[in-house]
N, C-alpha and C. Protein backbone atom coordinates (compact mmCIF):
# COMPACT_ATOMS: atom_id res chain seq x y z
N MET A 1 -26.40 -42.96 45.81
CA MET A 1 -27.00 -41.77 45.07
C MET A 1 -28.53 -42.25 44.77
N ARG A 2 -28.90 -43.33 44.47
CA ARG A 2 -30.33 -43.49 44.19
C ARG A 2 -31.10 -43.17 45.33
N LEU A 3 -30.54 -43.60 46.67
CA LEU A 3 -31.17 -43.29 48.06
C LEU A 3 -31.24 -41.68 48.06
N GLY A 4 -30.34 -41.15 47.84
CA GLY A 4 -30.32 -39.42 47.92
C GLY A 4 -31.41 -39.08 47.22
N GLY A 5 -31.85 -39.54 46.01
CA GLY A 5 -32.75 -39.00 44.90
C GLY A 5 -34.09 -39.34 45.49
N ALA A 6 -34.10 -40.54 46.01
CA ALA A 6 -35.54 -40.95 46.63
C ALA A 6 -35.95 -40.17 47.79
N MET A 7 -34.84 -39.92 48.65
CA MET A 7 -35.21 -38.93 49.80
C MET A 7 -35.62 -37.65 49.62
N MET A 8 -35.01 -37.03 48.43
CA MET A 8 -35.31 -35.61 48.10
C MET A 8 -36.83 -35.90 47.41
N VAL A 9 -37.11 -36.74 46.76
CA VAL A 9 -38.50 -36.96 46.27
C VAL A 9 -39.57 -37.11 47.43
N GLY A 10 -39.30 -38.09 48.46
CA GLY A 10 -40.05 -38.37 49.36
C GLY A 10 -40.33 -36.94 50.31
N LEU A 11 -39.12 -36.14 50.40
CA LEU A 11 -39.17 -34.76 51.11
C LEU A 11 -40.15 -33.78 50.59
N ALA A 12 -40.21 -33.92 49.05
CA ALA A 12 -41.10 -32.94 48.38
C ALA A 12 -42.33 -33.39 48.54
N ILE A 13 -42.69 -34.64 48.40
CA ILE A 13 -44.15 -35.21 48.73
C ILE A 13 -44.54 -34.75 50.13
N ALA A 14 -43.58 -34.97 51.03
CA ALA A 14 -44.00 -34.72 52.40
C ALA A 14 -44.53 -33.36 52.69
N LEU A 15 -43.79 -32.38 51.84
CA LEU A 15 -43.81 -30.88 52.21
C LEU A 15 -45.11 -30.28 51.44
N GLY A 16 -45.71 -31.20 50.59
CA GLY A 16 -46.84 -30.58 49.81
C GLY A 16 -47.30 -31.42 48.57
N GLY A 17 -47.05 -32.59 48.48
CA GLY A 17 -47.47 -33.63 47.44
C GLY A 17 -46.58 -33.32 46.26
N PRO A 18 -47.16 -33.86 44.92
CA PRO A 18 -46.32 -33.83 43.92
C PRO A 18 -46.04 -32.13 43.69
N ALA A 19 -44.78 -31.98 43.18
CA ALA A 19 -44.19 -30.71 42.98
C ALA A 19 -44.20 -30.33 41.41
N ILE A 20 -44.76 -29.21 41.00
CA ILE A 20 -44.87 -28.85 39.68
C ILE A 20 -43.84 -27.84 39.35
N ALA A 21 -42.59 -28.15 38.95
CA ALA A 21 -41.31 -27.15 38.61
C ALA A 21 -40.81 -27.63 37.41
N GLN A 22 -40.21 -26.54 36.58
CA GLN A 22 -39.20 -26.74 35.61
C GLN A 22 -37.86 -26.90 35.86
N THR A 23 -37.48 -27.98 36.50
CA THR A 23 -36.11 -27.96 37.07
C THR A 23 -35.16 -28.97 36.09
N THR A 24 -34.05 -29.36 36.57
CA THR A 24 -33.24 -30.05 35.87
C THR A 24 -32.98 -31.60 36.38
N ALA A 25 -32.80 -32.60 35.90
CA ALA A 25 -32.37 -34.02 36.53
C ALA A 25 -31.80 -34.79 35.68
N TYR A 26 -31.01 -35.72 36.23
CA TYR A 26 -30.10 -36.57 35.41
C TYR A 26 -30.44 -37.93 35.58
N VAL A 27 -30.38 -38.86 34.53
CA VAL A 27 -30.64 -40.42 34.66
C VAL A 27 -29.49 -40.71 35.35
N THR A 28 -29.71 -41.80 36.25
CA THR A 28 -28.67 -42.44 36.99
C THR A 28 -27.70 -43.32 36.35
N ASP A 29 -26.77 -43.89 36.95
CA ASP A 29 -25.94 -44.79 36.12
C ASP A 29 -26.44 -45.88 35.74
N GLU A 30 -27.79 -46.14 35.53
CA GLU A 30 -28.09 -47.48 34.93
C GLU A 30 -27.78 -47.09 33.27
N LEU A 31 -27.87 -48.51 32.90
CA LEU A 31 -27.22 -48.39 31.23
C LEU A 31 -28.26 -47.67 30.63
N GLU A 32 -29.63 -47.80 30.63
CA GLU A 32 -30.80 -47.23 30.17
C GLU A 32 -31.97 -47.39 30.81
N ILE A 33 -32.92 -46.40 30.67
CA ILE A 33 -34.22 -46.38 31.43
C ILE A 33 -35.18 -46.03 30.22
N THR A 34 -36.63 -46.28 30.68
CA THR A 34 -37.52 -46.03 29.75
C THR A 34 -38.31 -44.81 30.09
N LEU A 35 -38.54 -44.03 28.98
CA LEU A 35 -39.68 -43.04 28.88
C LEU A 35 -40.99 -43.46 28.39
N ARG A 36 -41.91 -43.54 29.32
CA ARG A 36 -43.05 -43.92 29.18
C ARG A 36 -44.26 -42.82 28.95
N SER A 37 -45.35 -43.16 28.33
CA SER A 37 -46.58 -42.30 28.14
C SER A 37 -47.29 -42.17 29.26
N GLY A 38 -47.15 -42.91 30.09
CA GLY A 38 -47.97 -42.62 31.63
C GLY A 38 -47.25 -43.23 32.64
N GLN A 39 -47.76 -43.08 33.90
CA GLN A 39 -47.39 -43.40 35.19
C GLN A 39 -47.57 -44.97 35.33
N GLY A 40 -46.78 -45.85 34.73
CA GLY A 40 -46.97 -47.21 35.00
C GLY A 40 -46.10 -47.88 33.98
N ASN A 41 -45.90 -49.23 34.27
CA ASN A 41 -45.13 -50.16 33.30
C ASN A 41 -45.81 -50.40 32.06
N ASP A 42 -47.14 -50.17 32.36
CA ASP A 42 -48.15 -51.00 31.26
C ASP A 42 -48.40 -49.61 30.22
N TYR A 43 -47.75 -48.66 30.27
CA TYR A 43 -47.90 -47.55 29.35
C TYR A 43 -46.80 -47.59 28.31
N ARG A 44 -47.16 -47.03 27.08
CA ARG A 44 -46.28 -47.15 26.01
C ARG A 44 -44.90 -46.76 26.33
N ILE A 45 -43.84 -47.28 25.72
CA ILE A 45 -42.27 -46.92 25.89
C ILE A 45 -42.11 -45.87 24.48
N MET A 46 -41.79 -44.65 25.00
CA MET A 46 -41.76 -43.69 23.98
C MET A 46 -40.37 -43.72 23.44
N ARG A 47 -39.50 -43.91 24.28
CA ARG A 47 -37.95 -43.77 23.99
C ARG A 47 -37.14 -44.32 25.13
N LEU A 48 -35.81 -44.80 24.99
CA LEU A 48 -35.13 -45.28 25.88
C LEU A 48 -33.94 -44.16 26.14
N LEU A 49 -33.61 -43.83 27.38
CA LEU A 49 -32.72 -42.85 27.82
C LEU A 49 -31.64 -43.41 28.58
N SER A 50 -30.47 -42.96 27.89
CA SER A 50 -29.16 -43.61 28.39
C SER A 50 -28.62 -42.70 29.77
N SER A 51 -27.75 -43.42 30.44
CA SER A 51 -27.24 -42.97 31.70
C SER A 51 -26.53 -41.74 31.34
N GLY A 52 -26.86 -40.70 32.13
CA GLY A 52 -26.14 -39.36 32.18
C GLY A 52 -27.16 -38.27 31.32
N SER A 53 -28.12 -38.98 30.76
CA SER A 53 -28.99 -37.88 29.77
C SER A 53 -29.56 -36.87 30.76
N GLN A 54 -29.75 -35.73 30.10
CA GLN A 54 -30.47 -34.59 30.95
C GLN A 54 -31.76 -34.26 30.58
N LEU A 55 -32.51 -34.22 31.56
CA LEU A 55 -33.88 -34.16 31.45
C LEU A 55 -34.59 -33.06 32.01
N GLU A 56 -35.45 -32.24 31.47
CA GLU A 56 -36.29 -31.17 32.02
C GLU A 56 -37.48 -31.87 32.94
N VAL A 57 -37.45 -31.52 34.17
CA VAL A 57 -38.57 -31.92 35.02
C VAL A 57 -39.90 -31.13 34.92
N LEU A 58 -40.73 -31.75 34.68
CA LEU A 58 -41.92 -30.98 34.62
C LEU A 58 -43.05 -31.23 35.75
N GLN A 59 -42.97 -32.35 36.18
CA GLN A 59 -43.94 -32.70 37.55
C GLN A 59 -43.13 -33.76 38.33
N ARG A 60 -43.00 -33.84 39.54
CA ARG A 60 -42.22 -34.65 40.43
C ARG A 60 -43.32 -35.22 41.23
N GLY A 61 -43.10 -36.92 41.22
CA GLY A 61 -43.90 -37.54 42.16
C GLY A 61 -43.12 -38.66 42.88
N GLU A 62 -43.79 -39.17 43.78
CA GLU A 62 -43.21 -40.38 44.62
C GLU A 62 -42.53 -41.40 43.73
N THR A 63 -43.40 -41.94 42.78
CA THR A 63 -42.95 -43.13 42.01
C THR A 63 -42.48 -42.76 40.61
N TRP A 64 -43.30 -41.84 39.91
CA TRP A 64 -43.07 -41.44 38.62
C TRP A 64 -42.97 -39.86 38.45
N THR A 65 -41.97 -39.57 37.61
CA THR A 65 -41.78 -38.19 37.52
C THR A 65 -42.18 -37.91 36.06
N GLN A 66 -42.91 -36.67 35.62
CA GLN A 66 -42.94 -36.31 34.56
C GLN A 66 -41.85 -35.35 33.87
N VAL A 67 -41.23 -35.74 32.74
CA VAL A 67 -40.11 -35.27 32.21
C VAL A 67 -40.05 -34.68 30.85
N ARG A 68 -39.31 -33.84 30.25
CA ARG A 68 -39.10 -33.65 28.99
C ARG A 68 -37.82 -34.02 28.45
N ALA A 69 -37.74 -34.81 27.39
CA ALA A 69 -36.46 -35.36 26.76
C ALA A 69 -36.49 -34.87 25.48
N GLY A 70 -35.81 -33.72 25.00
CA GLY A 70 -35.97 -33.12 23.68
C GLY A 70 -37.06 -32.47 23.27
N ASP A 71 -37.85 -33.31 22.41
CA ASP A 71 -39.30 -32.87 21.83
C ASP A 71 -40.12 -33.87 22.37
N ASP A 72 -39.67 -34.90 23.19
CA ASP A 72 -40.48 -35.94 23.65
C ASP A 72 -41.21 -35.58 25.41
N GLU A 73 -42.30 -35.68 25.82
CA GLU A 73 -42.62 -35.44 27.08
C GLU A 73 -43.40 -36.85 27.70
N GLY A 74 -42.80 -37.41 28.81
CA GLY A 74 -43.31 -38.58 29.34
C GLY A 74 -43.06 -38.88 30.74
N TRP A 75 -43.08 -40.04 31.27
CA TRP A 75 -42.79 -40.47 32.53
C TRP A 75 -41.95 -41.33 32.70
N VAL A 76 -40.98 -41.01 33.77
CA VAL A 76 -39.78 -41.93 34.18
C VAL A 76 -40.02 -42.22 35.55
N ARG A 77 -39.24 -43.42 36.23
CA ARG A 77 -39.54 -43.77 37.57
C ARG A 77 -38.29 -42.51 38.33
N SER A 78 -39.08 -42.22 39.29
CA SER A 78 -38.30 -41.35 40.18
C SER A 78 -36.96 -41.60 40.75
N LEU A 79 -36.90 -43.04 41.06
CA LEU A 79 -35.82 -43.55 41.72
C LEU A 79 -34.39 -43.53 40.84
N TYR A 80 -34.89 -43.43 39.40
CA TYR A 80 -33.77 -43.34 38.24
C TYR A 80 -33.33 -41.94 38.13
N LEU A 81 -33.73 -40.89 38.86
CA LEU A 81 -33.39 -39.63 38.58
C LEU A 81 -32.51 -39.16 39.81
N GLN A 82 -31.56 -38.15 39.58
CA GLN A 82 -30.72 -37.40 40.56
C GLN A 82 -30.43 -36.15 40.04
N PRO A 83 -30.22 -35.24 41.04
CA PRO A 83 -29.91 -33.89 40.77
C PRO A 83 -28.80 -33.45 40.02
N ASP A 84 -27.53 -34.33 40.11
CA ASP A 84 -26.30 -34.14 39.58
C ASP A 84 -26.09 -35.12 38.44
N PRO A 85 -25.27 -34.84 37.27
CA PRO A 85 -24.90 -35.94 36.39
C PRO A 85 -24.33 -37.11 37.26
N GLY A 86 -24.63 -38.17 36.61
CA GLY A 86 -23.96 -39.71 37.08
C GLY A 86 -22.49 -39.70 36.77
N ALA A 87 -21.97 -40.54 37.74
CA ALA A 87 -20.51 -40.67 37.47
C ALA A 87 -19.93 -40.58 36.14
N ALA A 88 -20.43 -41.62 35.37
CA ALA A 88 -20.05 -41.83 33.83
C ALA A 88 -20.07 -40.48 33.15
N ALA A 89 -21.33 -39.58 33.48
CA ALA A 89 -21.38 -38.45 32.88
C ALA A 89 -20.29 -37.59 33.27
N GLN A 90 -20.26 -37.42 34.55
CA GLN A 90 -19.26 -36.62 35.26
C GLN A 90 -17.71 -37.13 34.77
N LEU A 91 -17.43 -38.30 34.55
CA LEU A 91 -16.16 -38.65 33.99
C LEU A 91 -16.01 -38.20 32.62
N GLU A 92 -17.03 -38.51 31.84
CA GLU A 92 -16.85 -37.93 30.49
C GLU A 92 -16.62 -36.48 30.33
N ALA A 93 -17.32 -35.65 31.29
CA ALA A 93 -17.20 -34.21 31.09
C ALA A 93 -15.63 -33.95 31.62
N ALA A 94 -15.37 -34.60 32.75
CA ALA A 94 -14.17 -34.35 33.16
C ALA A 94 -12.91 -34.74 32.09
N THR A 95 -13.20 -35.72 31.31
CA THR A 95 -12.10 -36.18 30.45
C THR A 95 -12.43 -35.20 29.25
N ASN A 96 -13.51 -34.70 28.82
CA ASN A 96 -13.43 -33.76 27.78
C ASN A 96 -12.75 -32.56 28.19
N ARG A 97 -13.09 -32.13 29.47
CA ARG A 97 -12.62 -30.82 30.09
C ARG A 97 -10.92 -31.07 30.03
N LEU A 98 -10.41 -32.22 30.41
CA LEU A 98 -9.09 -32.32 30.48
C LEU A 98 -8.46 -32.50 28.82
N SER A 99 -9.26 -32.80 28.16
CA SER A 99 -8.70 -32.83 26.71
C SER A 99 -8.57 -31.47 26.25
N GLU A 100 -9.70 -30.67 26.69
CA GLU A 100 -9.43 -29.00 26.32
C GLU A 100 -8.39 -28.59 26.98
N LEU A 101 -8.24 -28.84 28.15
CA LEU A 101 -7.14 -28.28 28.97
C LEU A 101 -5.73 -28.62 28.45
N ARG A 102 -5.74 -29.91 27.85
CA ARG A 102 -4.34 -30.31 27.18
C ARG A 102 -4.06 -29.68 25.98
N ASP A 103 -5.36 -29.25 25.25
CA ASP A 103 -5.19 -28.62 23.96
C ASP A 103 -4.68 -27.18 24.14
N GLU A 104 -5.40 -26.66 25.21
CA GLU A 104 -5.24 -25.16 25.54
C GLU A 104 -3.74 -25.10 26.08
N ASN A 105 -3.28 -25.95 27.03
CA ASN A 105 -1.91 -26.08 27.19
C ASN A 105 -0.63 -26.33 25.96
N GLN A 106 -1.07 -26.95 24.96
CA GLN A 106 -0.55 -27.33 23.78
C GLN A 106 -0.35 -25.92 23.27
N THR A 107 -1.52 -25.29 23.08
CA THR A 107 -1.59 -23.94 22.47
C THR A 107 -0.81 -22.97 23.14
N LEU A 108 -0.81 -22.83 24.66
CA LEU A 108 0.00 -21.93 25.14
C LEU A 108 1.37 -22.30 24.99
N SER A 109 1.92 -23.56 25.02
CA SER A 109 3.19 -23.93 24.91
C SER A 109 3.78 -23.55 23.49
N GLU A 110 2.99 -23.73 22.39
CA GLU A 110 3.27 -23.20 21.27
C GLU A 110 3.45 -21.66 21.06
N ARG A 111 2.51 -20.89 21.89
CA ARG A 111 2.63 -19.62 21.77
C ARG A 111 3.90 -19.20 22.59
N VAL A 112 4.27 -19.89 23.79
CA VAL A 112 5.31 -19.41 24.46
C VAL A 112 6.63 -19.59 23.72
N THR A 113 6.64 -20.63 22.99
CA THR A 113 7.68 -21.13 21.91
C THR A 113 8.01 -20.02 20.91
N GLU A 114 6.67 -19.45 20.36
CA GLU A 114 6.76 -18.49 19.38
C GLU A 114 7.17 -17.35 19.99
N LEU A 115 6.75 -16.81 21.30
CA LEU A 115 7.19 -15.62 22.00
C LEU A 115 8.70 -15.69 22.33
N GLU A 116 9.06 -16.71 22.54
CA GLU A 116 10.55 -17.06 22.88
C GLU A 116 11.40 -16.74 21.89
N SER A 117 10.88 -17.42 20.58
CA SER A 117 11.50 -17.28 19.23
C SER A 117 11.53 -15.50 18.71
N ARG A 118 10.33 -15.14 19.00
CA ARG A 118 10.26 -13.37 18.84
C ARG A 118 11.04 -12.75 19.69
N LEU A 119 11.22 -13.39 21.10
CA LEU A 119 12.22 -12.58 21.89
C LEU A 119 13.77 -12.57 21.38
N GLU A 120 13.94 -13.69 21.10
CA GLU A 120 15.39 -13.85 20.52
C GLU A 120 15.80 -12.95 19.40
N THR A 121 14.58 -13.07 18.53
CA THR A 121 14.68 -12.12 17.16
C THR A 121 15.03 -10.82 17.57
N LEU A 122 14.06 -10.45 18.33
CA LEU A 122 14.10 -8.91 19.01
C LEU A 122 15.57 -8.48 19.60
N SER A 123 15.98 -9.65 20.20
CA SER A 123 17.37 -9.57 21.08
C SER A 123 18.35 -9.26 19.67
N ASP A 124 18.32 -10.28 18.95
CA ASP A 124 19.41 -9.75 17.93
C ASP A 124 19.32 -8.73 17.19
N ASP A 125 17.84 -8.29 16.74
CA ASP A 125 17.57 -6.90 16.35
C ASP A 125 18.13 -5.90 17.27
N ASN A 126 18.04 -5.93 18.66
CA ASN A 126 18.46 -5.00 19.33
C ASN A 126 20.14 -4.81 19.24
N ARG A 127 20.67 -6.05 19.21
CA ARG A 127 22.26 -6.04 19.25
C ARG A 127 22.51 -5.43 18.04
N GLN A 128 21.85 -5.58 16.79
CA GLN A 128 22.18 -5.07 15.65
C GLN A 128 22.11 -3.54 15.55
N LEU A 129 20.91 -3.24 16.09
CA LEU A 129 20.75 -1.64 16.17
C LEU A 129 21.80 -1.04 16.91
N GLN A 130 22.08 -1.68 18.04
CA GLN A 130 23.03 -0.94 19.00
C GLN A 130 24.60 -0.86 18.21
N ALA A 131 24.72 -2.07 17.36
CA ALA A 131 25.94 -1.79 16.67
C ALA A 131 26.11 -0.92 15.62
N ASP A 132 24.75 -0.83 14.88
CA ASP A 132 24.62 0.16 13.86
C ASP A 132 24.75 1.81 14.52
N ASN A 133 24.13 1.91 15.73
CA ASN A 133 24.27 3.06 16.37
C ASN A 133 25.66 3.45 16.65
N GLN A 134 26.44 2.60 17.14
CA GLN A 134 27.65 2.66 17.45
C GLN A 134 28.58 3.16 16.25
N ARG A 135 28.24 2.36 15.27
CA ARG A 135 29.14 2.71 13.77
C ARG A 135 28.64 4.26 13.59
N MET A 136 27.22 4.52 13.44
CA MET A 136 26.86 5.90 13.23
C MET A 136 27.38 6.90 13.90
N THR A 137 27.44 6.72 15.44
CA THR A 137 28.10 7.60 16.16
C THR A 137 29.69 7.79 15.72
N GLN A 138 30.22 6.77 15.28
CA GLN A 138 31.65 6.97 15.15
C GLN A 138 31.75 7.69 13.69
N ARG A 139 30.80 7.53 12.85
CA ARG A 139 30.89 8.06 11.54
C ARG A 139 30.62 9.71 11.87
N LEU A 140 29.63 10.16 12.70
CA LEU A 140 29.51 11.27 12.82
C LEU A 140 30.60 11.92 13.52
N GLN A 141 31.22 11.28 14.44
CA GLN A 141 32.45 12.04 15.24
C GLN A 141 33.41 11.98 13.91
N GLU A 142 33.62 11.23 13.01
CA GLU A 142 34.65 11.34 12.07
C GLU A 142 34.21 12.54 11.11
N ALA A 143 32.93 12.43 10.91
CA ALA A 143 32.34 13.65 9.93
C ALA A 143 32.65 15.06 10.84
N GLY A 144 32.35 15.07 12.06
CA GLY A 144 32.71 16.06 12.87
C GLY A 144 34.01 16.88 12.65
N GLU A 145 35.07 15.62 12.69
CA GLU A 145 36.33 15.81 12.78
C GLU A 145 36.77 16.37 11.25
N GLY A 146 36.07 15.94 10.42
CA GLY A 146 36.32 16.25 8.82
C GLY A 146 35.78 17.54 8.79
N LEU A 147 34.58 17.92 9.25
CA LEU A 147 34.21 19.46 9.07
C LEU A 147 35.35 20.41 9.84
N GLU A 148 35.87 19.98 11.01
CA GLU A 148 36.78 20.86 11.58
C GLU A 148 38.01 20.97 10.58
N LEU A 149 38.41 19.73 10.02
CA LEU A 149 39.74 19.80 8.84
C LEU A 149 39.17 20.81 7.90
N ALA A 150 38.14 20.33 7.54
CA ALA A 150 37.52 21.42 6.06
C ALA A 150 37.58 22.91 6.56
N ASP A 151 37.08 23.16 7.87
CA ASP A 151 37.20 24.59 8.04
C ASP A 151 38.79 25.05 8.22
N GLU A 152 39.70 24.42 8.76
CA GLU A 152 40.96 24.72 8.84
C GLU A 152 41.47 24.81 7.47
N ASN A 153 41.11 23.57 6.67
CA ASN A 153 41.79 23.76 5.33
C ASN A 153 41.24 24.98 4.40
N GLN A 154 39.89 25.45 4.50
CA GLN A 154 39.46 26.38 3.95
C GLN A 154 40.20 27.74 4.50
N ALA A 155 40.37 27.82 5.71
CA ALA A 155 41.07 28.90 6.45
C ALA A 155 42.61 28.97 5.92
N LEU A 156 43.12 27.88 5.66
CA LEU A 156 44.61 27.98 5.02
C LEU A 156 44.46 28.45 3.71
N GLN A 157 43.54 27.94 2.94
CA GLN A 157 43.45 28.21 1.55
C GLN A 157 43.10 29.74 1.41
N LYS A 158 42.45 30.34 2.33
CA LYS A 158 42.10 31.79 2.35
C LYS A 158 43.39 32.45 2.58
N GLU A 159 44.37 32.00 3.64
CA GLU A 159 45.82 32.69 3.97
C GLU A 159 46.58 32.48 2.67
N VAL A 160 46.44 31.50 2.09
CA VAL A 160 47.35 31.23 0.79
C VAL A 160 46.90 32.16 -0.22
N LEU A 161 45.86 32.29 -0.41
CA LEU A 161 45.21 33.37 -1.41
C LEU A 161 45.63 34.71 -1.03
N ASP A 162 45.49 35.11 0.24
CA ASP A 162 46.13 36.54 0.71
C ASP A 162 47.76 36.56 0.51
N LEU A 163 48.27 35.60 0.84
CA LEU A 163 49.60 35.55 0.51
C LEU A 163 50.06 35.63 -0.90
N GLU A 164 49.29 35.08 -1.84
CA GLU A 164 49.47 35.16 -3.20
C GLU A 164 49.17 36.60 -3.67
N ARG A 165 47.97 37.22 -3.27
CA ARG A 165 47.85 38.55 -3.42
C ARG A 165 48.94 39.45 -3.12
N GLN A 166 49.56 39.10 -1.80
CA GLN A 166 50.38 40.05 -1.38
C GLN A 166 51.82 39.95 -2.18
N VAL A 167 52.06 38.48 -2.55
CA VAL A 167 53.27 38.51 -3.56
C VAL A 167 52.96 39.13 -5.01
N GLN A 168 51.70 39.25 -5.53
CA GLN A 168 51.41 39.77 -6.63
C GLN A 168 51.73 41.20 -6.67
N ASP A 169 51.07 41.72 -5.41
CA ASP A 169 51.20 43.21 -5.03
C ASP A 169 52.87 43.75 -5.11
N LEU A 170 53.51 42.59 -4.21
CA LEU A 170 54.76 43.05 -4.07
C LEU A 170 55.65 42.98 -5.46
N SER A 171 55.26 41.88 -6.50
CA SER A 171 55.82 41.67 -7.58
C SER A 171 55.61 42.93 -8.51
N ARG A 172 54.18 43.48 -8.54
CA ARG A 172 54.05 44.81 -9.20
C ARG A 172 54.77 45.82 -8.91
N GLU A 173 54.72 45.85 -7.61
CA GLU A 173 55.65 47.27 -6.75
C GLU A 173 57.08 46.96 -7.36
N ALA A 174 57.73 45.96 -7.21
CA ALA A 174 59.02 45.81 -7.95
C ALA A 174 59.11 46.07 -9.32
N ASP A 175 58.17 45.67 -10.17
CA ASP A 175 58.31 45.89 -11.48
C ASP A 175 58.17 47.57 -11.86
N ARG A 176 57.23 48.05 -10.78
CA ARG A 176 57.30 49.48 -10.91
C ARG A 176 58.65 50.28 -10.63
N MET A 177 59.14 49.57 -9.25
CA MET A 177 60.37 50.21 -9.04
C MET A 177 61.27 50.06 -9.96
N ALA A 178 61.59 48.78 -10.58
CA ALA A 178 62.54 48.50 -11.69
C ALA A 178 62.36 49.56 -12.81
N ASP A 179 61.18 49.82 -13.05
CA ASP A 179 60.89 50.51 -14.34
C ASP A 179 61.39 51.85 -13.83
N ARG A 180 60.98 52.43 -12.63
CA ARG A 180 61.56 53.93 -12.23
C ARG A 180 63.05 53.92 -12.38
N GLU A 181 63.58 53.01 -11.72
CA GLU A 181 64.93 52.98 -11.73
C GLU A 181 65.52 53.01 -13.03
N SER A 182 65.05 52.37 -14.11
CA SER A 182 65.59 52.35 -15.31
C SER A 182 65.44 53.68 -15.92
N ARG A 183 63.99 54.30 -15.64
CA ARG A 183 64.00 55.57 -16.37
C ARG A 183 65.03 56.54 -15.59
N ASP A 184 65.08 56.58 -14.34
CA ASP A 184 65.99 57.54 -13.48
C ASP A 184 67.35 57.30 -14.23
N TRP A 185 67.88 56.16 -14.44
CA TRP A 185 69.09 55.62 -14.94
C TRP A 185 69.24 56.32 -16.49
N PHE A 186 68.17 56.16 -17.24
CA PHE A 186 68.11 56.75 -18.68
C PHE A 186 68.35 58.14 -18.68
N ILE A 187 67.48 58.76 -17.74
CA ILE A 187 67.67 60.23 -17.58
C ILE A 187 68.93 60.79 -17.18
N ALA A 188 69.51 60.09 -16.29
CA ALA A 188 70.80 60.51 -15.74
C ALA A 188 71.62 60.31 -17.06
N GLY A 189 71.51 59.11 -17.72
CA GLY A 189 72.48 58.99 -18.83
C GLY A 189 72.47 59.98 -19.92
N ALA A 190 71.04 60.35 -20.08
CA ALA A 190 70.78 61.24 -21.14
C ALA A 190 71.52 62.87 -20.56
N GLY A 191 71.32 62.86 -19.44
CA GLY A 191 71.88 64.29 -18.87
C GLY A 191 73.13 64.42 -19.14
N VAL A 192 74.13 63.41 -18.96
CA VAL A 192 75.64 63.22 -18.88
C VAL A 192 75.64 63.50 -20.52
N ILE A 193 75.06 62.85 -21.21
CA ILE A 193 75.41 62.98 -22.82
C ILE A 193 75.05 64.58 -23.23
N VAL A 194 74.01 64.91 -22.68
CA VAL A 194 73.73 66.48 -23.06
C VAL A 194 74.74 67.37 -22.54
N PHE A 195 75.05 67.14 -21.27
CA PHE A 195 76.25 67.97 -20.38
C PHE A 195 77.35 67.75 -21.21
N GLY A 196 77.76 66.57 -21.76
CA GLY A 196 78.94 66.39 -22.47
C GLY A 196 79.06 67.14 -23.80
N MET A 197 77.79 66.99 -24.62
CA MET A 197 77.46 67.66 -25.69
C MET A 197 77.87 69.29 -25.60
N LEU A 198 77.24 69.77 -24.39
CA LEU A 198 77.02 71.23 -24.28
C LEU A 198 78.66 71.56 -23.78
N LEU A 199 79.46 70.75 -22.94
CA LEU A 199 80.67 70.90 -22.63
C LEU A 199 81.67 70.99 -23.72
N GLY A 200 81.17 70.04 -24.63
CA GLY A 200 82.28 70.16 -26.15
C GLY A 200 82.03 71.47 -27.00
N ILE A 201 80.92 71.85 -26.88
CA ILE A 201 80.39 72.94 -27.82
C ILE A 201 81.19 74.17 -27.15
N THR A 202 81.01 74.03 -25.77
CA THR A 202 81.42 75.45 -25.03
C THR A 202 82.92 75.44 -25.17
N LEU A 203 83.76 74.33 -25.10
CA LEU A 203 85.13 74.20 -25.19
C LEU A 203 85.49 74.42 -26.64
N THR A 204 84.78 74.07 -27.45
CA THR A 204 85.07 74.37 -29.11
C THR A 204 85.03 75.83 -29.16
N ARG A 205 83.84 76.59 -28.86
CA ARG A 205 83.73 77.82 -28.72
C ARG A 205 84.98 78.69 -28.23
N VAL A 206 85.22 78.12 -26.97
CA VAL A 206 86.06 78.90 -26.20
C VAL A 206 87.46 78.93 -27.09
N ARG A 207 87.84 77.76 -27.76
CA ARG A 207 89.17 77.57 -28.57
C ARG A 207 89.06 78.46 -29.69
N TRP A 208 87.87 78.42 -30.39
CA TRP A 208 87.63 79.33 -31.46
C TRP A 208 88.05 80.47 -31.47
N ARG A 209 87.28 81.13 -30.00
CA ARG A 209 87.53 82.54 -29.76
C ARG A 209 88.85 82.81 -29.56
N ARG A 210 89.68 82.03 -29.04
CA ARG A 210 91.03 82.13 -28.51
C ARG A 210 91.99 82.48 -29.75
N ARG A 211 91.64 81.17 -30.92
CA ARG A 211 92.26 81.40 -32.13
C ARG A 211 91.98 82.69 -32.79
N SER A 212 90.71 83.40 -32.76
CA SER A 212 90.36 84.19 -33.32
C SER A 212 91.26 85.44 -32.90
N SER A 213 91.37 85.60 -31.54
CA SER A 213 91.96 86.51 -30.49
C SER A 213 93.34 86.49 -31.01
N TRP A 214 94.01 85.49 -31.33
CA TRP A 214 95.33 85.19 -31.58
C TRP A 214 95.70 85.82 -33.09
N SER A 215 94.83 85.68 -33.82
CA SER A 215 95.02 85.84 -35.33
C SER A 215 94.87 87.49 -35.27
N GLU A 216 94.18 88.11 -34.47
CA GLU A 216 93.95 89.44 -34.65
C GLU A 216 95.26 90.04 -34.03
N LEU A 217 96.19 89.57 -33.24
CA LEU A 217 97.31 90.10 -32.74
C LEU A 217 98.29 90.00 -33.79
């Protein structure tokens, strides 16, 4: 990886000398490198840069490259720079990503469990609703039959009332007939009595007349 970085630096120099560009570079898998105030080992060490540190490239050179690390600007050896993160940094990033994926998987697993529990609850609710619907349908059917029976009962009650009125009418008519028959019998009896009285009177007169006639003889 160092050889590849050096070849890229050499190619840049061959194409036009030191390149001035704000790109990104990473410290190689050395434990630590020095950030110096100038291009040489006799310049002051500004800070130490650990492996995998991300640097902003300000100016590339064959031996030394000017970079910015945070708020500090300085020079590091070009051979310690590479375009991609080092193996350690990549491993750390992969490890972090793996941890994130595990957390996401755990979250998704919990969500799946929650959804399965919710689905089971909804299934139970659905079965309960179906049972309630069946009971309500049966009750509606019974209610419909009850309404039919109520209509029939009302019709029968009406017929009973009509029959009762007919019976009352017949009873009143019978009473009237009985009263009329009683009056007829009373009149007939009175007529017989009067006829008898008249007959008696007539017979008495006839006898009296006969006696009177015989006395004159």
